[in-house]
C-alpha atoms as a PDB file:
ATOM      1  CA  GLY A   1      90.804  63.077 -65.831  1.00  0.00           C
ATOM      2  CA  ILE A   2      92.350  64.740 -68.870  1.00  0.00           C
ATOM      3  CA  PRO A   3      94.626  67.368 -68.973  1.00  0.00           C
ATOM      4  CA  LEU A   4      93.171  70.689 -70.112  1.00  0.00           C
ATOM      5  CA  PHE A   5      96.144  73.069 -69.445  1.00  0.00           C
ATOM      6  CA  VAL A   6      99.871  73.265 -69.228  1.00  0.00           C
ATOM      7  CA  ALA A   7     101.021  76.545 -67.830  1.00  0.00           C
ATOM      8  CA  PRO A   8     102.885  78.744 -67.614  1.00  0.00           C
ATOM      9  CA  ARG A   9     104.128  78.574 -71.184  1.00  0.00           C
ATOM     10  CA  GLY A  10     105.952  81.696 -72.559  1.00  0.00           C
ATOM     11  CA  ARG A  11     106.085  83.344 -69.326  1.00  0.00           C
ATOM     12  CA  THR A  12     106.821  82.812 -65.787  1.00  0.00           C
ATOM     13  CA  PHE A  13     104.614  81.463 -63.172  1.00  0.00           C
ATOM     14  CA  ASP A  14     104.652  85.011 -61.275  1.00  0.00           C
ATOM     15  CA  ASP A  15     103.205  86.357 -64.459  1.00  0.00           C
ATOM     16  CA  PHE A  16     100.702  83.775 -64.791  1.00  0.00           C
ATOM     17  CA  ALA A  17      99.726  84.159 -61.103  1.00  0.00           C
ATOM     18  CA  ALA A  18      99.660  87.785 -61.012  1.00  0.00           C
ATOM     19  CA  GLU A  19      97.233  88.166 -64.393  1.00  0.00           C
ATOM     20  CA  SER A  20      95.045  85.411 -62.711  1.00  0.00           C
ATOM     21  CA  ILE A  21      94.706  87.291 -59.413  1.00  0.00           C
ATOM     22  CA  TYR A  22      94.439  90.687 -61.337  1.00  0.00           C
ATOM     23  CA  HIS A  23      91.429  89.168 -63.406  1.00  0.00           C
ATOM     24  CA  GLY A  24      89.941  87.167 -60.474  1.00  0.00           C
ATOM     25  CA  TRP A  25      90.384  83.552 -61.978  1.00  0.00           C
ATOM     26  CA  PRO A  26      93.005  81.502 -63.754  1.00  0.00           C
ATOM     27  CA  SER A  27      93.809  83.068 -67.387  1.00  0.00           C
ATOM     28  CA  PHE A  28      95.407  80.922 -69.937  1.00  0.00           C
ATOM     29  CA  ARG A  29      96.947  81.830 -73.122  1.00  0.00           C
ATOM     30  CA  PRO A  30      96.621  79.872 -76.349  1.00  0.00           C
ATOM     31  CA  GLU A  31      99.814  77.989 -76.038  1.00  0.00           C
ATOM     32  CA  GLU A  32      98.634  76.694 -72.684  1.00  0.00           C
ATOM     33  CA  ILE A  33      95.664  74.869 -73.831  1.00  0.00           C
ATOM     34  CA  VAL A  34      95.534  71.077 -74.493  1.00  0.00           C
ATOM     35  CA  SER A  35      93.634  71.915 -77.607  1.00  0.00           C
ATOM     36  CA  GLU A  36      92.940  68.098 -78.324  1.00  0.00           C
ATOM     37  CA  ASN A  37      90.758  68.086 -74.979  1.00  0.00           C
ATOM     38  CA  VAL A  38      89.204  71.864 -75.009  1.00  0.00           C
ATOM     39  CA  LYS A  39      86.056  72.785 -77.307  1.00  0.00           C
ATOM     40  CA  ILE A  40      85.947  76.550 -77.793  1.00  0.00           C
ATOM     41  CA  TYR A  41      82.703  77.478 -79.394  1.00  0.00           C
ATOM     42  CA  ASN A  42      81.845  80.767 -81.167  1.00  0.00           C
ATOM     43  CA  GLY A  43      81.313  83.646 -78.812  1.00  0.00           C
ATOM     44  CA  GLY A  44      84.435  81.857 -76.580  1.00  0.00           C
ATOM     45  CA  ARG A  45      82.438  79.383 -74.232  1.00  0.00           C
ATOM     46  CA  MET A  46      84.678  76.675 -73.575  1.00  0.00           C
ATOM     47  CA  GLU A  47      84.002  73.038 -72.356  1.00  0.00           C
ATOM     48  CA  SER A  48      86.109  70.030 -71.776  1.00  0.00           C
ATOM     49  CA  LYS A  49      85.567  66.935 -74.039  1.00  0.00           C
ATOM     50  CA  CYS A  50      84.096  65.542 -70.974  1.00  0.00           C
ATOM     51  CA  GLY A  51      81.314  68.002 -71.098  1.00  0.00           C
ATOM     52  CA  THR A  52      82.362  70.305 -68.224  1.00  0.00           C
ATOM     53  CA  HIS A  53      81.737  74.100 -68.876  1.00  0.00           C
ATOM     54  CA  LEU A  54      85.203  75.825 -68.029  1.00  0.00           C
ATOM     55  CA  GLY A  55      84.720  79.486 -68.961  1.00  0.00           C
ATOM     56  CA  HIS A  56      85.284  81.792 -71.699  1.00  0.00           C
ATOM     57  CA  ASN A  57      87.699  83.513 -73.963  1.00  0.00           C
ATOM     58  CA  LEU A  58      87.921  87.213 -72.881  1.00  0.00           C
ATOM     59  CA  PRO A  59      90.620  88.686 -74.993  1.00  0.00           C
ATOM     60  CA  ASP A  60      92.588  91.547 -73.239  1.00  0.00           C
ATOM     61  CA  GLY A  61      94.648  93.738 -75.630  1.00  0.00           C
ATOM     62  CA  GLY A  62      94.444  91.994 -78.650  1.00  0.00           C
ATOM     63  CA  VAL A  63      95.528  88.548 -76.844  1.00  0.00           C
ATOM     64  CA  ASP A  64      93.354  85.777 -76.194  1.00  0.00           C
ATOM     65  CA  ARG A  65      92.794  85.093 -72.579  1.00  0.00           C
ATOM     66  CA  TYR A  66      90.945  81.777 -71.503  1.00  0.00           C
ATOM     67  CA  CYS A  67      89.183  82.418 -68.330  1.00  0.00           C
ATOM     68  CA  ILE A  68      88.405  79.295 -66.070  1.00  0.00           C
ATOM     69  CA  ASP A  69      85.567  79.479 -63.673  1.00  0.00           C
ATOM     70  CA  LEU A  70      86.711  77.015 -61.129  1.00  0.00           C
ATOM     71  CA  VAL A  71      83.388  76.566 -59.637  1.00  0.00           C
ATOM     72  CA  CYS A  72      82.729  74.635 -62.956  1.00  0.00           C
ATOM     73  CA  MET A  73      85.810  72.174 -62.465  1.00  0.00           C
ATOM     74  CA  ALA A  74      83.557  69.126 -61.955  1.00  0.00           C
ATOM     75  CA  GLY A  75      82.264  67.158 -64.994  1.00  0.00           C
ATOM     76  CA  MET A  76      81.138  64.133 -65.992  1.00  0.00           C
ATOM     77  CA  ALA A  77      84.038  61.442 -66.388  1.00  0.00           C
ATOM     78  CA  LEU A  78      83.960  59.880 -69.962  1.00  0.00           C
ATOM     79  CA  SER A  79      83.857  55.960 -69.747  1.00  0.00           C
ATOM     80  CA  SER A  80      86.774  53.882 -71.028  1.00  0.00           C
ATOM     81  CA  ASP A  81      84.969  52.926 -74.432  1.00  0.00           C
ATOM     82  CA  GLU A  82      84.287  56.718 -74.770  1.00  0.00           C
ATOM     83  CA  LEU A  83      87.941  57.724 -74.272  1.00  0.00           C
ATOM     84  CA  VAL A  84      89.334  54.780 -76.382  1.00  0.00           C
ATOM     85  CA  SER A  85      86.789  55.327 -79.077  1.00  0.00           C
ATOM     86  CA  ASN A  86      87.874  59.185 -78.951  1.00  0.00           C
ATOM     87  CA  ASP A  87      90.940  59.229 -80.743  1.00  0.00           C
ATOM     88  CA  SER A  88      91.401  63.227 -80.396  1.00  0.00           C
ATOM     89  CA  VAL A  89      91.335  62.838 -76.541  1.00  0.00           C
ATOM     90  CA  ILE A  90      94.790  63.070 -75.093  1.00  0.00           C
ATOM     91  CA  LEU A  91      94.875  60.852 -71.808  1.00  0.00           C
ATOM     92  CA  ALA A  92      96.493  61.829 -68.535  1.00  0.00           C
ATOM     93  CA  SER A  93      98.594  58.685 -68.618  1.00  0.00           C
ATOM     94  CA  ASP A  94      99.807  59.559 -72.349  1.00  0.00           C
ATOM     95  CA  PHE A  95     100.429  63.409 -71.752  1.00  0.00           C
ATOM     96  CA  ASP A  96     104.199  64.817 -71.665  1.00  0.00           C
ATOM     97  CA  ALA A  97     103.679  68.513 -70.908  1.00  0.00           C
ATOM     98  CA  SER A  98     107.392  68.969 -71.494  1.00  0.00           C
ATOM     99  CA  SER A  99     106.972  68.358 -75.047  1.00  0.00           C
ATOM    100  CA  TYR A 100     103.289  69.019 -75.946  1.00  0.00           C
ATOM    101  CA  THR A 101     102.494  72.024 -78.217  1.00  0.00           C
ATOM    102  CA  SER A 102      98.970  73.429 -78.680  1.00  0.00           C
ATOM    103  CA  SER A 103      97.153  73.724 -81.959  1.00  0.00           C
ATOM    104  CA  ALA A 104      95.136  76.530 -80.467  1.00  0.00           C
ATOM    105  CA  GLU A 105      97.921  79.078 -80.708  1.00  0.00           C
ATOM    106  CA  GLN A 106      97.322  78.974 -84.579  1.00  0.00           C
ATOM    107  CA  TRP A 107      93.517  80.066 -84.058  1.00  0.00           C
ATOM    108  CA  SER A 108      94.459  82.748 -81.531  1.00  0.00           C
ATOM    109  CA  GLY A 109      92.662  86.170 -82.100  1.00  0.00           C
ATOM    110  CA  LYS A 110      90.876  84.933 -85.217  1.00  0.00           C
ATOM    111  CA  ASN A 111      87.360  84.639 -83.687  1.00  0.00           C
ATOM    112  CA  PRO A 112      85.238  86.866 -85.827  1.00  0.00           C
ATOM    113  CA  ALA A 113      83.128  87.974 -82.847  1.00  0.00           C
ATOM    114  CA  TRP A 114      86.016  89.994 -81.154  1.00  0.00           C
END
């Protein structure tokens, strides 16, 4: 598999859990997305680079909130050749959550549909 999210970032685990429980599904912020491995389409639909539908961006109070549908957390595994040829994918074996910074944060709140 490939890492998709690192949470919590900029909030406590209790805050992350409370928001997720309140909304009924895991809710991630832009800085928690492994942006190289997640595609976000116009309108907010998200999928992994493996082609798995993940959920949608449902902004709350002007803050992007990426809501993940756990029913959809199964996908098509990329072959070794696809992973190697796709240099924009970060492999789990190469991922260091402690030093990772998401590039998705720079685009937060800039979707013209909202």
